[in-house]
């Protein structure tokens, strides 16, 4: 379980910024999300 969590949170540092950017984009851009 710990190995799975470390594998999950390793790319999450970069993915978190990516998610935060698109969450911020939601307020300005109301079309479909670009990562679809």
PDB file of N, CA and C in Angstrom:
ATOM      1  N   UNK A   1       0.832  -1.208   0.000  1.00  0.00           N
ATOM      2  CA  UNK A   1       0.000   0.000   0.000  1.00  0.00           C
ATOM      3  C   UNK A   1       0.869   1.262   0.000  1.00  0.00           C
ATOM      4  N   UNK A   2       1.942   1.225   0.765  1.00  0.00           N
ATOM      5  CA  UNK A   2       2.831   2.384   0.835  1.00  0.00           C
ATOM      6  C   UNK A   2       3.559   2.600  -0.485  1.00  0.00           C
ATOM      7  N   UNK A   3       3.910   1.486  -1.132  1.00  0.00           N
ATOM      8  CA  UNK A   3       4.594   1.572  -2.431  1.00  0.00           C
ATOM      9  C   UNK A   3       3.657   2.188  -3.472  1.00  0.00           C
ATOM     10  N   UNK A   4       2.396   1.811  -3.407  1.00  0.00           N
ATOM     11  CA  UNK A   4       1.390   2.339  -4.328  1.00  0.00           C
ATOM     12  C   UNK A   4       1.193   3.836  -4.110  1.00  0.00           C
ATOM     13  N   UNK A   5       1.196   4.266  -2.853  1.00  0.00           N
ATOM     14  CA  UNK A   5       1.032   5.679  -2.523  1.00  0.00           C
ATOM     15  C   UNK A   5       2.215   6.495  -2.998  1.00  0.00           C
ATOM     16  N   UNK A   6       3.433   5.928  -2.856  1.00  0.00           N
ATOM     17  CA  UNK A   6       4.627   6.649  -3.298  1.00  0.00           C
ATOM     18  C   UNK A   6       4.642   6.772  -4.823  1.00  0.00           C
ATOM     19  N   UNK A   7       4.140   5.739  -5.508  1.00  0.00           N
ATOM     20  CA  UNK A   7       4.050   5.768  -6.966  1.00  0.00           C
ATOM     21  C   UNK A   7       2.988   6.766  -7.420  1.00  0.00           C
ATOM     22  N   UNK A   8       1.940   6.896  -6.613  1.00  0.00           N
ATOM     23  CA  UNK A   8       0.845   7.804  -6.943  1.00  0.00           C
ATOM     24  C   UNK A   8       1.240   9.256  -6.711  1.00  0.00           C
ATOM     25  N   UNK A   9       2.002   9.491  -5.639  1.00  0.00           N
ATOM     26  CA  UNK A   9       2.347  10.862  -5.277  1.00  0.00           C
ATOM     27  C   UNK A   9       3.643  11.355  -5.909  1.00  0.00           C
ATOM     28  N   UNK A  10       4.363  10.482  -6.632  1.00  0.00           N
ATOM     29  CA  UNK A  10       5.597  10.917  -7.278  1.00  0.00           C
ATOM     30  C   UNK A  10       5.314  11.899  -8.418  1.00  0.00           C
ATOM     31  N   UNK A  11       4.392  11.565  -9.364  1.00  0.00           N
ATOM     32  CA  UNK A  11       4.085  12.527 -10.428  1.00  0.00           C
ATOM     33  C   UNK A  11       3.043  13.558 -10.001  1.00  0.00           C
ATOM     34  N   UNK A  12       2.460  13.384  -8.806  1.00  0.00           N
ATOM     35  CA  UNK A  12       1.397  14.258  -8.348  1.00  0.00           C
ATOM     36  C   UNK A  12       1.892  15.668  -8.065  1.00  0.00           C
ATOM     37  N   UNK A  13       3.187  15.808  -7.776  1.00  0.00           N
ATOM     38  CA  UNK A  13       3.757  17.135  -7.540  1.00  0.00           C
ATOM     39  C   UNK A  13       3.623  18.007  -8.782  1.00  0.00           C
ATOM     40  N   UNK A  14       3.862  17.398  -9.956  1.00  0.00           N
ATOM     41  CA  UNK A  14       3.751  18.123 -11.230  1.00  0.00           C
ATOM     42  C   UNK A  14       2.284  18.175 -11.648  1.00  0.00           C
ATOM     43  N   UNK A  15       1.570  17.069 -11.404  1.00  0.00           N
ATOM     44  CA  UNK A  15       0.167  16.964 -11.787  1.00  0.00           C
ATOM     45  C   UNK A  15      -0.703  17.928 -10.990  1.00  0.00           C
ATOM     46  N   UNK A  16      -0.273  18.230  -9.755  1.00  0.00           N
ATOM     47  CA  UNK A  16      -1.021  19.142  -8.899  1.00  0.00           C
ATOM     48  C   UNK A  16      -1.041  20.544  -9.492  1.00  0.00           C
ATOM     49  N   UNK A  17       0.093  20.979 -10.037  1.00  0.00           N
ATOM     50  CA  UNK A  17       0.159  22.295 -10.682  1.00  0.00           C
ATOM     51  C   UNK A  17      -0.690  22.312 -11.948  1.00  0.00           C
ATOM     52  N   UNK A  18      -0.695  21.179 -12.673  1.00  0.00           N
ATOM     53  CA  UNK A  18      -1.477  21.040 -13.898  1.00  0.00           C
ATOM     54  C   UNK A  18      -2.973  21.130 -13.590  1.00  0.00           C
ATOM     55  N   UNK A  19      -3.380  20.458 -12.491  1.00  0.00           N
ATOM     56  CA  UNK A  19      -4.774  20.460 -12.073  1.00  0.00           C
ATOM     57  C   UNK A  19      -5.181  21.837 -11.567  1.00  0.00           C
ATOM     58  N   UNK A  20      -4.288  22.474 -10.830  1.00  0.00           N
ATOM     59  CA  UNK A  20      -4.556  23.803 -10.272  1.00  0.00           C
ATOM     60  C   UNK A  20      -4.716  24.822 -11.390  1.00  0.00           C
ATOM     61  N   UNK A  21      -3.904  24.691 -12.446  1.00  0.00           N
ATOM     62  CA  UNK A  21      -3.960  25.587 -13.591  1.00  0.00           C
ATOM     63  C   UNK A  21      -5.302  25.486 -14.306  1.00  0.00           C
ATOM     64  N   UNK A  22      -5.788  24.245 -14.483  1.00  0.00           N
ATOM     65  CA  UNK A  22      -7.066  24.046 -15.165  1.00  0.00           C
ATOM     66  C   UNK A  22      -8.248  24.397 -14.273  1.00  0.00           C
ATOM     67  N   UNK A  23      -8.082  24.260 -12.952  1.00  0.00           N
ATOM     68  CA  UNK A  23      -9.129  24.668 -12.019  1.00  0.00           C
ATOM     69  C   UNK A  23      -9.273  26.190 -12.055  1.00  0.00           C
ATOM     70  N   UNK A  24      -8.146  26.881 -12.192  1.00  0.00           N
ATOM     71  CA  UNK A  24      -8.142  28.333 -12.310  1.00  0.00           C
ATOM     72  C   UNK A  24      -8.709  28.762 -13.660  1.00  0.00           C
ATOM     73  N   UNK A  25      -8.449  27.946 -14.682  1.00  0.00           N
ATOM     74  CA  UNK A  25      -8.950  28.209 -16.033  1.00  0.00           C
ATOM     75  C   UNK A  25     -10.465  28.094 -16.109  1.00  0.00           C
ATOM     76  N   UNK A  26     -11.046  27.288 -15.236  1.00  0.00           N
ATOM     77  CA  UNK A  26     -12.492  27.072 -15.218  1.00  0.00           C
ATOM     78  C   UNK A  26     -13.259  28.374 -14.982  1.00  0.00           C
ATOM     79  N   UNK A  27     -12.651  29.288 -14.235  1.00  0.00           N
ATOM     80  CA  UNK A  27     -13.312  30.553 -13.929  1.00  0.00           C
ATOM     81  C   UNK A  27     -13.308  31.505 -15.129  1.00  0.00           C
ATOM     82  N   UNK A  28     -12.298  31.362 -15.979  1.00  0.00           N
ATOM     83  CA  UNK A  28     -12.175  32.264 -17.121  1.00  0.00           C
ATOM     84  C   UNK A  28     -12.648  31.611 -18.416  1.00  0.00           C
ATOM     85  N   UNK A  29     -12.361  30.295 -18.570  1.00  0.00           N
ATOM     86  CA  UNK A  29     -12.721  29.566 -19.785  1.00  0.00           C
ATOM     87  C   UNK A  29     -13.825  28.565 -19.463  1.00  0.00           C
ATOM     88  N   UNK A  30     -15.012  28.789 -20.016  1.00  0.00           N
ATOM     89  CA  UNK A  30     -16.174  27.969 -19.666  1.00  0.00           C
ATOM     90  C   UNK A  30     -16.477  26.878 -20.693  1.00  0.00           C
ATOM     91  N   UNK A  31     -15.576  26.680 -21.651  1.00  0.00           N
ATOM     92  CA  UNK A  31     -15.754  25.626 -22.643  1.00  0.00           C
ATOM     93  C   UNK A  31     -15.354  24.269 -22.074  1.00  0.00           C
ATOM     94  N   UNK A  32     -15.223  23.238 -22.913  1.00  0.00           N
ATOM     95  CA  UNK A  32     -14.809  21.916 -22.442  1.00  0.00           C
ATOM     96  C   UNK A  32     -13.342  21.927 -22.017  1.00  0.00           C
ATOM     97  N   UNK A  33     -12.965  21.137 -21.012  1.00  0.00           N
ATOM     98  CA  UNK A  33     -11.576  21.107 -20.560  1.00  0.00           C
ATOM     99  C   UNK A  33     -10.643  20.594 -21.653  1.00  0.00           C
ATOM    100  N   UNK A  34      -9.458  21.174 -21.802  1.00  0.00           N
ATOM    101  CA  UNK A  34      -8.523  20.791 -22.870  1.00  0.00           C
ATOM    102  C   UNK A  34      -7.952  19.391 -22.701  1.00  0.00           C
ATOM    103  N   UNK A  35      -7.989  18.830 -21.476  1.00  0.00           N
ATOM    104  CA  UNK A  35      -7.400  17.510 -21.258  1.00  0.00           C
ATOM    105  C   UNK A  35      -8.374  16.365 -21.542  1.00  0.00           C
ATOM    106  N   UNK A  36      -9.524  16.660 -22.169  1.00  0.00           N
ATOM    107  CA  UNK A  36     -10.480  15.613 -22.515  1.00  0.00           C
ATOM    108  C   UNK A  36      -9.912  14.684 -23.600  1.00  0.00           C
TER     109      UNK A  36
END
